Amino acid sequence: MKVRILKTSDHEEMKKLFLDVFSNEPWFDKWNKEQLDLYMKDLTDNNNSLSIALFDEKEELIGCSLGYIFNWWEGREYFIKEFFISRNNQRQGAGSTFLSLINDRLRAEDVQHITLATEKTVPAYHFYQKNGFSVLENSAFLVSKVSD
């Protein structure tokens, strides 16, 4: 497996993979093409975007990490907004390998932290814990619905 920065030419394949992963169990998201295009543009077209792709030995895209690099008082941090592995490659070590390769790349670019948010009720929560992520005891991820 190898990683590289996601190229513009990879975007259609990336969106197809994203839809396949998140339109199925356990998420069952219901994306339409317009919203998906806007979301992916938001994730990949910013000055601080960092979109990393994972390819298998046949050069097929099997995973992506879409996020942002932020400067913080403790140094640089990579916030992962979306992390996904093809359903055919899940539970086979590809995600853990991908995170390790991302870590190596970020260390070389002097990034000190990787952060992300996920739900406690999905398998991803335990996957991230298994791969060295921990819950910050004094932090909370909050949300409020914009009311009419």
Protein backbone atom coordinates (compact mmCIF):
# COMPACT_ATOMS: atom_id res chain seq x y z
CA MET A 1 0.00 0.00 0.00
CA LYS A 2 1.11 3.55 -0.64
CA VAL A 3 -0.12 7.03 0.18
CA ARG A 4 0.02 10.27 -1.72
CA ILE A 5 -1.74 13.60 -1.80
CA LEU A 6 -5.12 13.29 -3.50
CA LYS A 7 -5.01 14.76 -7.00
CA THR A 8 -7.85 16.56 -8.77
CA SER A 9 -7.94 13.63 -11.20
CA ASP A 10 -8.78 11.33 -8.23
CA HIS A 11 -11.85 13.31 -7.12
CA GLU A 12 -14.52 11.36 -9.00
CA GLU A 13 -13.14 8.05 -7.77
CA MET A 14 -12.87 9.50 -4.25
CA LYS A 15 -16.52 10.63 -4.29
CA LYS A 16 -17.62 7.21 -5.54
CA LEU A 17 -15.70 5.51 -2.72
CA PHE A 18 -17.07 7.98 -0.14
CA LEU A 19 -20.65 7.29 -1.28
CA ASP A 20 -20.17 3.54 -1.18
CA VAL A 21 -18.78 3.64 2.36
CA PHE A 22 -21.19 6.16 3.90
CA SER A 23 -24.38 5.12 2.09
CA ASN A 24 -24.17 1.73 3.76
CA GLU A 25 -24.09 0.32 7.29
CA PRO A 26 -23.65 1.78 9.88
CA TRP A 27 -24.15 5.33 8.53
CA PHE A 28 -26.79 5.10 5.76
CA ASP A 29 -26.17 8.72 4.66
CA LYS A 30 -28.40 10.03 1.87
CA TRP A 31 -26.18 12.32 -0.24
CA ASN A 32 -27.39 13.92 -3.46
CA LYS A 33 -24.86 14.82 -6.13
CA GLU A 34 -25.02 18.58 -5.55
CA GLN A 35 -24.51 18.36 -1.78
CA LEU A 36 -21.72 15.82 -2.19
CA ASP A 37 -19.91 18.03 -4.73
CA LEU A 38 -20.21 21.04 -2.42
CA TYR A 39 -19.03 19.07 0.62
CA MET A 40 -16.03 17.60 -1.17
CA LYS A 41 -15.09 21.03 -2.50
CA ASP A 42 -15.28 22.41 1.06
CA LEU A 43 -12.94 19.65 2.24
CA THR A 44 -10.39 19.70 -0.56
CA ASP A 45 -10.22 23.23 -1.98
CA ASN A 46 -8.93 25.30 0.95
CA ASN A 47 -5.43 26.63 1.49
CA ASN A 48 -5.10 24.47 4.60
CA SER A 49 -6.76 21.33 3.18
CA LEU A 50 -4.78 18.11 3.38
CA SER A 51 -6.33 15.25 1.43
CA ILE A 52 -4.38 12.00 1.55
CA ALA A 53 -5.18 8.96 -0.57
CA LEU A 54 -4.39 5.28 0.07
CA PHE A 55 -3.79 2.97 -2.89
CA ASP A 56 -3.48 -0.80 -2.95
CA GLU A 57 -0.85 -2.79 -4.85
CA LYS A 58 -2.98 -2.56 -8.04
CA GLU A 59 -2.93 1.27 -7.76
CA GLU A 60 -6.65 1.32 -6.90
CA LEU A 61 -7.93 3.97 -4.48
CA ILE A 62 -9.03 2.19 -1.31
CA GLY A 63 -9.03 4.97 1.27
CA CYS A 64 -8.95 8.70 1.93
CA SER A 65 -8.26 11.04 4.79
CA LEU A 66 -9.73 14.49 4.19
CA GLY A 67 -8.91 17.25 6.60
CA TYR A 68 -7.14 20.46 7.44
CA ILE A 69 -3.82 21.61 8.86
CA PHE A 70 -4.16 24.19 11.65
CA ASN A 71 -1.53 26.11 13.55
CA TRP A 72 -1.99 26.02 17.29
CA TRP A 73 0.05 27.21 20.25
CA GLU A 74 1.34 23.65 20.71
CA GLY A 75 2.32 23.41 17.04
CA ARG A 76 0.64 22.20 13.89
CA GLU A 77 -2.29 19.82 13.97
CA TYR A 78 -4.10 17.77 11.32
CA PHE A 79 -7.86 17.66 11.87
CA ILE A 80 -9.38 14.67 10.06
CA LYS A 81 -12.88 15.57 8.92
CA GLU A 82 -13.45 12.37 6.90
CA PHE A 83 -11.53 9.09 7.03
CA PHE A 84 -12.78 6.16 5.01
CA ILE A 85 -11.61 2.80 3.72
CA SER A 86 -13.38 0.80 1.02
CA ARG A 87 -15.82 -1.68 2.48
CA ASN A 88 -13.88 -4.55 0.83
CA ASN A 89 -10.73 -3.54 2.73
CA GLN A 90 -12.23 -2.83 6.16
CA ARG A 91 -11.31 -5.10 9.09
CA GLN A 92 -8.17 -6.26 7.24
CA GLY A 93 -5.63 -3.80 8.63
CA ALA A 94 -5.81 -1.26 5.79
CA GLY A 95 -7.17 1.52 8.03
CA SER A 96 -4.50 0.97 10.68
CA THR A 97 -1.78 0.86 8.02
CA PHE A 98 -3.19 4.06 6.50
CA LEU A 99 -3.12 5.88 9.86
CA SER A 100 0.47 4.74 10.40
CA LEU A 101 1.51 6.01 6.96
CA ILE A 102 -0.30 9.31 7.60
CA ASN A 103 1.51 9.62 10.94
CA ASP A 104 4.89 9.10 9.23
CA ARG A 105 4.09 11.74 6.62
CA LEU A 106 2.87 14.25 9.21
CA ARG A 107 5.93 13.71 11.42
CA ALA A 108 8.11 14.58 8.42
CA GLU A 109 6.08 17.78 7.96
CA ASP A 110 6.46 18.75 11.63
CA VAL A 111 2.82 18.17 12.59
CA GLN A 112 2.43 17.41 16.31
CA HIS A 113 -1.19 16.22 16.64
CA ILE A 114 -3.95 14.46 14.74
CA THR A 115 -7.48 15.27 15.90
CA LEU A 116 -10.92 14.06 14.82
CA ALA A 117 -14.50 13.66 15.98
CA THR A 118 -16.63 10.54 15.69
CA GLU A 119 -19.72 9.06 17.27
CA LYS A 120 -19.32 6.64 20.16
CA THR A 121 -21.98 4.32 18.73
CA VAL A 122 -20.21 3.42 15.46
CA PRO A 123 -17.36 0.92 14.92
CA ALA A 124 -15.03 3.81 13.99
CA TYR A 125 -14.91 4.87 17.66
CA HIS A 126 -13.24 1.61 18.74
CA PHE A 127 -11.04 1.60 15.62
CA TYR A 128 -9.62 5.00 16.53
CA GLN A 129 -9.06 4.00 20.15
CA LYS A 130 -7.26 0.85 18.99
CA ASN A 131 -5.02 3.09 16.88
CA GLY A 132 -3.89 5.36 19.71
CA PHE A 133 -6.58 8.04 19.80
CA SER A 134 -8.08 8.92 23.16
CA VAL A 135 -11.02 10.93 24.41
CA LEU A 136 -10.04 14.28 25.91
CA GLU A 137 -11.67 14.19 29.33
CA ASN A 138 -12.05 17.98 29.59
CA SER A 139 -13.42 18.50 26.08
CA ALA A 140 -16.82 18.12 24.50
CA PHE A 141 -18.00 18.26 20.91
CA LEU A 142 -21.21 20.30 20.91
CA VAL A 143 -23.88 20.87 18.29
CA SER A 144 -26.97 23.05 18.04
CA LYS A 145 -29.61 22.88 15.37
CA VAL A 146 -30.32 26.25 13.79
CA SER A 147 -33.95 26.90 14.66
CA ASP A 148 -36.55 28.60 12.51
